[in-house]
């Protein structure tokens, strides 16, 4: 079992929306690879959504419902990206190169 500061925040939520963590020393294990793959998908979807948002915001035909749906989807993508950034930030803390 790893120390509590070595827990990895996973890119999905548990029951009641609570964060899920992985405790392992094997960064190449099945759950670590699964989390890496899901994070990659989330980041890719966020990038695509950002492109769509740029198009929607300059589209004169976009109505209030379009913008509201866009805001909802952007909120979800931002939540996912923030979780990935937090998780990766925690991973980096333990692997920082020594100061020169």
N, C-alpha and C. Protein backbone atom coordinates (compact mmCIF):
# COMPACT_ATOMS: atom_id res chain seq x y z
N UNK A 1 0.86 -1.18 0.00
CA UNK A 1 0.00 0.00 0.00
C UNK A 1 0.89 1.22 0.00
N UNK A 2 0.51 2.23 -0.76
CA UNK A 2 1.29 3.46 -0.82
C UNK A 2 0.88 4.41 0.28
N UNK A 3 1.72 5.37 0.55
CA UNK A 3 1.40 6.39 1.54
C UNK A 3 0.23 7.23 1.05
N UNK A 4 -0.48 7.86 1.98
CA UNK A 4 -1.68 8.61 1.61
C UNK A 4 -1.36 9.76 0.66
N UNK A 5 -0.12 10.27 0.67
CA UNK A 5 0.22 11.35 -0.25
C UNK A 5 0.56 10.82 -1.64
N UNK A 6 0.53 9.50 -1.82
CA UNK A 6 0.82 8.89 -3.11
C UNK A 6 -0.45 8.38 -3.79
N UNK A 7 -1.60 8.70 -3.25
CA UNK A 7 -2.85 8.27 -3.86
C UNK A 7 -3.07 9.03 -5.16
N UNK A 8 -3.58 8.34 -6.15
CA UNK A 8 -3.87 8.96 -7.44
C UNK A 8 -5.36 9.26 -7.52
N UNK A 9 -5.68 10.51 -7.81
CA UNK A 9 -7.07 10.89 -8.05
C UNK A 9 -7.47 10.33 -9.41
N UNK A 10 -8.51 9.53 -9.42
CA UNK A 10 -8.97 8.91 -10.66
C UNK A 10 -9.91 9.85 -11.42
N UNK A 11 -10.01 9.67 -12.74
CA UNK A 11 -10.80 10.58 -13.56
C UNK A 11 -12.30 10.30 -13.55
N UNK A 12 -12.80 9.66 -12.53
CA UNK A 12 -14.23 9.44 -12.39
C UNK A 12 -14.59 9.58 -10.92
N UNK A 13 -15.86 9.75 -10.68
CA UNK A 13 -16.36 9.92 -9.31
C UNK A 13 -16.93 8.61 -8.81
N UNK A 14 -16.94 8.50 -7.50
CA UNK A 14 -17.54 7.34 -6.86
C UNK A 14 -18.98 7.64 -6.48
N UNK A 15 -19.52 6.82 -5.59
CA UNK A 15 -20.89 7.04 -5.14
C UNK A 15 -21.07 8.46 -4.58
N UNK A 16 -22.19 9.03 -4.86
CA UNK A 16 -22.56 10.37 -4.39
C UNK A 16 -21.60 11.45 -4.90
N UNK A 17 -20.91 11.17 -6.02
CA UNK A 17 -20.03 12.18 -6.60
C UNK A 17 -18.72 12.38 -5.88
N UNK A 18 -18.41 11.51 -4.94
CA UNK A 18 -17.17 11.65 -4.17
C UNK A 18 -15.98 11.21 -5.02
N UNK A 19 -14.80 11.81 -4.79
CA UNK A 19 -13.62 11.43 -5.57
C UNK A 19 -13.21 9.99 -5.32
N UNK A 20 -12.64 9.37 -6.34
CA UNK A 20 -12.08 8.02 -6.23
C UNK A 20 -10.57 8.12 -6.32
N UNK A 21 -9.89 7.31 -5.53
CA UNK A 21 -8.44 7.32 -5.51
C UNK A 21 -7.92 5.91 -5.75
N UNK A 22 -6.74 5.84 -6.32
CA UNK A 22 -6.06 4.57 -6.54
C UNK A 22 -4.79 4.55 -5.71
N UNK A 23 -4.62 3.48 -4.97
CA UNK A 23 -3.41 3.30 -4.17
C UNK A 23 -2.62 2.15 -4.78
N UNK A 24 -1.54 2.51 -5.46
CA UNK A 24 -0.68 1.49 -6.08
C UNK A 24 0.69 2.07 -6.33
N UNK A 25 1.67 1.21 -6.33
CA UNK A 25 3.03 1.61 -6.69
C UNK A 25 3.29 1.30 -8.16
N UNK A 26 2.35 0.64 -8.83
CA UNK A 26 2.52 0.20 -10.21
C UNK A 26 1.83 1.17 -11.16
N UNK A 27 2.57 2.15 -11.65
CA UNK A 27 1.98 3.14 -12.57
C UNK A 27 1.66 2.52 -13.92
N UNK A 28 2.12 1.30 -14.18
CA UNK A 28 1.81 0.61 -15.42
C UNK A 28 0.76 -0.46 -15.26
N UNK A 29 0.15 -0.52 -14.07
CA UNK A 29 -0.87 -1.53 -13.81
C UNK A 29 -2.17 -1.24 -14.55
N UNK A 30 -3.06 -2.21 -14.53
CA UNK A 30 -4.32 -2.11 -15.27
C UNK A 30 -5.11 -0.86 -14.92
N UNK A 31 -5.32 -0.59 -13.64
CA UNK A 31 -6.13 0.57 -13.24
C UNK A 31 -5.44 1.88 -13.60
N UNK A 32 -4.13 1.93 -13.47
CA UNK A 32 -3.39 3.14 -13.85
C UNK A 32 -3.50 3.40 -15.35
N UNK A 33 -3.37 2.34 -16.14
CA UNK A 33 -3.51 2.49 -17.60
C UNK A 33 -4.93 2.87 -17.98
N UNK A 34 -5.92 2.29 -17.31
CA UNK A 34 -7.31 2.64 -17.56
C UNK A 34 -7.55 4.12 -17.27
N UNK A 35 -7.04 4.58 -16.13
CA UNK A 35 -7.18 5.99 -15.77
C UNK A 35 -6.48 6.88 -16.79
N UNK A 36 -5.28 6.48 -17.23
CA UNK A 36 -4.56 7.26 -18.25
C UNK A 36 -5.37 7.36 -19.53
N UNK A 37 -5.96 6.25 -19.96
CA UNK A 37 -6.76 6.24 -21.20
C UNK A 37 -8.00 7.11 -21.06
N UNK A 38 -8.67 7.03 -19.93
CA UNK A 38 -9.87 7.84 -19.73
C UNK A 38 -9.51 9.31 -19.69
N UNK A 39 -8.40 9.65 -19.03
CA UNK A 39 -7.95 11.04 -19.02
C UNK A 39 -7.66 11.53 -20.44
N UNK A 40 -7.03 10.71 -21.25
CA UNK A 40 -6.73 11.10 -22.64
C UNK A 40 -8.02 11.36 -23.42
N UNK A 41 -9.02 10.52 -23.22
CA UNK A 41 -10.31 10.71 -23.89
C UNK A 41 -10.96 12.01 -23.40
N UNK A 42 -10.94 12.23 -22.10
CA UNK A 42 -11.54 13.45 -21.54
C UNK A 42 -10.86 14.71 -22.10
N UNK A 43 -9.55 14.70 -22.17
CA UNK A 43 -8.82 15.86 -22.70
C UNK A 43 -9.11 16.06 -24.18
N UNK A 44 -9.18 14.97 -24.92
CA UNK A 44 -9.52 15.07 -26.35
C UNK A 44 -10.92 15.62 -26.57
N UNK A 45 -11.86 15.15 -25.77
CA UNK A 45 -13.24 15.64 -25.89
C UNK A 45 -13.32 17.11 -25.51
N UNK A 46 -12.55 17.53 -24.52
CA UNK A 46 -12.54 18.94 -24.11
C UNK A 46 -11.99 19.81 -25.24
N UNK A 47 -10.95 19.34 -25.92
CA UNK A 47 -10.38 20.10 -27.03
C UNK A 47 -11.39 20.24 -28.17
N UNK A 48 -12.10 19.17 -28.48
CA UNK A 48 -13.13 19.23 -29.52
C UNK A 48 -14.26 20.17 -29.11
N UNK A 49 -14.65 20.13 -27.86
CA UNK A 49 -15.71 20.99 -27.36
C UNK A 49 -15.29 22.45 -27.42
N UNK A 50 -14.04 22.73 -27.14
CA UNK A 50 -13.54 24.10 -27.22
C UNK A 50 -13.64 24.63 -28.64
N UNK A 51 -13.31 23.80 -29.62
CA UNK A 51 -13.47 24.20 -31.03
C UNK A 51 -14.93 24.48 -31.34
N UNK A 52 -15.82 23.60 -30.88
CA UNK A 52 -17.25 23.79 -31.13
C UNK A 52 -17.76 25.04 -30.44
N UNK A 53 -17.25 25.32 -29.25
CA UNK A 53 -17.66 26.53 -28.52
C UNK A 53 -17.28 27.78 -29.31
N UNK A 54 -16.07 27.79 -29.85
CA UNK A 54 -15.64 28.94 -30.64
C UNK A 54 -16.55 29.15 -31.84
N UNK A 55 -16.95 28.07 -32.48
CA UNK A 55 -17.85 28.16 -33.64
C UNK A 55 -19.24 28.64 -33.22
N UNK A 56 -19.74 28.10 -32.12
CA UNK A 56 -21.08 28.46 -31.65
C UNK A 56 -21.17 29.93 -31.26
N UNK A 57 -20.13 30.42 -30.62
CA UNK A 57 -20.17 31.80 -30.14
C UNK A 57 -20.12 32.84 -31.25
N UNK A 58 -19.61 32.47 -32.42
CA UNK A 58 -19.61 33.42 -33.54
C UNK A 58 -20.76 33.16 -34.51
N UNK A 59 -21.54 32.12 -34.25
CA UNK A 59 -22.68 31.76 -35.10
C UNK A 59 -23.89 32.63 -34.75
N UNK A 60 -24.26 33.50 -35.69
CA UNK A 60 -25.40 34.40 -35.46
C UNK A 60 -26.71 33.63 -35.31
N UNK A 61 -26.76 32.42 -35.85
CA UNK A 61 -27.98 31.62 -35.77
C UNK A 61 -28.10 30.86 -34.45
N UNK A 62 -27.05 30.86 -33.66
CA UNK A 62 -27.10 30.14 -32.38
C UNK A 62 -28.07 30.85 -31.45
N UNK A 63 -29.01 30.09 -30.91
CA UNK A 63 -29.99 30.69 -30.00
C UNK A 63 -29.62 30.42 -28.54
N UNK A 64 -30.46 30.90 -27.67
CA UNK A 64 -30.21 30.76 -26.23
C UNK A 64 -30.06 29.30 -25.81
N UNK A 65 -30.87 28.41 -26.37
CA UNK A 65 -30.81 26.99 -26.03
C UNK A 65 -29.45 26.41 -26.44
N UNK A 66 -28.94 26.81 -27.61
CA UNK A 66 -27.63 26.34 -28.05
C UNK A 66 -26.53 26.77 -27.09
N UNK A 67 -26.58 28.03 -26.68
CA UNK A 67 -25.56 28.56 -25.78
C UNK A 67 -25.67 27.93 -24.40
N UNK A 68 -26.90 27.69 -23.95
CA UNK A 68 -27.10 27.05 -22.64
C UNK A 68 -26.57 25.62 -22.65
N UNK A 69 -26.83 24.88 -23.72
CA UNK A 69 -26.30 23.52 -23.84
C UNK A 69 -24.78 23.56 -23.89
N UNK A 70 -24.24 24.50 -24.64
CA UNK A 70 -22.79 24.66 -24.72
C UNK A 70 -22.19 24.92 -23.33
N UNK A 71 -22.81 25.80 -22.57
CA UNK A 71 -22.33 26.12 -21.22
C UNK A 71 -22.36 24.87 -20.33
N UNK A 72 -23.40 24.08 -20.45
CA UNK A 72 -23.51 22.85 -19.66
C UNK A 72 -22.40 21.87 -20.03
N UNK A 73 -22.16 21.71 -21.33
CA UNK A 73 -21.12 20.78 -21.77
C UNK A 73 -19.73 21.29 -21.40
N UNK A 74 -19.51 22.60 -21.51
CA UNK A 74 -18.23 23.18 -21.12
C UNK A 74 -17.98 23.01 -19.63
N UNK A 75 -19.03 23.14 -18.83
CA UNK A 75 -18.90 22.95 -17.38
C UNK A 75 -18.43 21.53 -17.07
N UNK A 76 -19.03 20.55 -17.71
CA UNK A 76 -18.63 19.16 -17.51
C UNK A 76 -17.20 18.91 -17.97
N UNK A 77 -16.84 19.47 -19.12
CA UNK A 77 -15.48 19.29 -19.64
C UNK A 77 -14.46 19.97 -18.73
N UNK A 78 -14.80 21.16 -18.24
CA UNK A 78 -13.89 21.86 -17.35
C UNK A 78 -13.70 21.07 -16.05
N UNK A 79 -14.77 20.47 -15.55
CA UNK A 79 -14.67 19.64 -14.34
C UNK A 79 -13.71 18.47 -14.59
N UNK A 80 -13.85 17.82 -15.76
CA UNK A 80 -12.97 16.70 -16.09
C UNK A 80 -11.52 17.14 -16.23
N UNK A 81 -11.29 18.25 -16.92
CA UNK A 81 -9.93 18.73 -17.14
C UNK A 81 -9.29 19.16 -15.82
N UNK A 82 -10.07 19.78 -14.96
CA UNK A 82 -9.55 20.18 -13.66
C UNK A 82 -9.16 18.96 -12.84
N UNK A 83 -9.96 17.91 -12.91
CA UNK A 83 -9.65 16.67 -12.18
C UNK A 83 -8.36 16.05 -12.73
N UNK A 84 -8.20 16.05 -14.06
CA UNK A 84 -6.97 15.52 -14.67
C UNK A 84 -5.77 16.35 -14.22
N UNK A 85 -5.91 17.67 -14.27
CA UNK A 85 -4.81 18.54 -13.86
C UNK A 85 -4.45 18.33 -12.39
N UNK A 86 -5.44 18.18 -11.55
CA UNK A 86 -5.20 17.95 -10.13
C UNK A 86 -4.49 16.61 -9.93
N UNK A 87 -4.98 15.58 -10.61
CA UNK A 87 -4.37 14.26 -10.50
C UNK A 87 -2.93 14.29 -10.98
N UNK A 88 -2.70 14.88 -12.12
CA UNK A 88 -1.34 14.90 -12.67
C UNK A 88 -0.44 15.80 -11.84
N UNK A 89 -0.99 16.84 -11.28
CA UNK A 89 -0.19 17.68 -10.40
C UNK A 89 0.28 16.93 -9.18
N UNK A 90 -0.59 16.10 -8.63
CA UNK A 90 -0.21 15.29 -7.48
C UNK A 90 0.84 14.26 -7.86
N UNK A 91 0.73 13.72 -9.08
CA UNK A 91 1.73 12.75 -9.54
C UNK A 91 3.09 13.42 -9.70
N UNK A 92 3.09 14.66 -10.16
CA UNK A 92 4.34 15.38 -10.40
C UNK A 92 5.05 15.75 -9.10
N UNK A 93 4.28 16.02 -8.06
CA UNK A 93 4.89 16.43 -6.79
C UNK A 93 5.89 15.39 -6.30
N UNK A 94 5.56 14.13 -6.42
CA UNK A 94 6.45 13.08 -5.95
C UNK A 94 7.59 12.79 -6.92
N UNK A 95 7.52 13.32 -8.14
CA UNK A 95 8.50 13.01 -9.17
C UNK A 95 9.25 14.24 -9.66
N UNK A 96 9.27 15.30 -8.87
CA UNK A 96 9.97 16.50 -9.29
C UNK A 96 11.47 16.26 -9.31
N UNK A 97 12.16 16.79 -10.32
CA UNK A 97 13.61 16.64 -10.35
C UNK A 97 14.23 17.45 -9.22
N UNK A 98 15.38 17.06 -8.74
CA UNK A 98 16.02 17.81 -7.67
C UNK A 98 16.37 19.21 -8.12
N UNK A 99 16.34 20.16 -7.20
CA UNK A 99 16.68 21.55 -7.50
C UNK A 99 18.16 21.66 -7.78
N UNK A 100 18.48 22.53 -8.71
CA UNK A 100 19.90 22.77 -9.03
C UNK A 100 20.45 23.94 -8.27
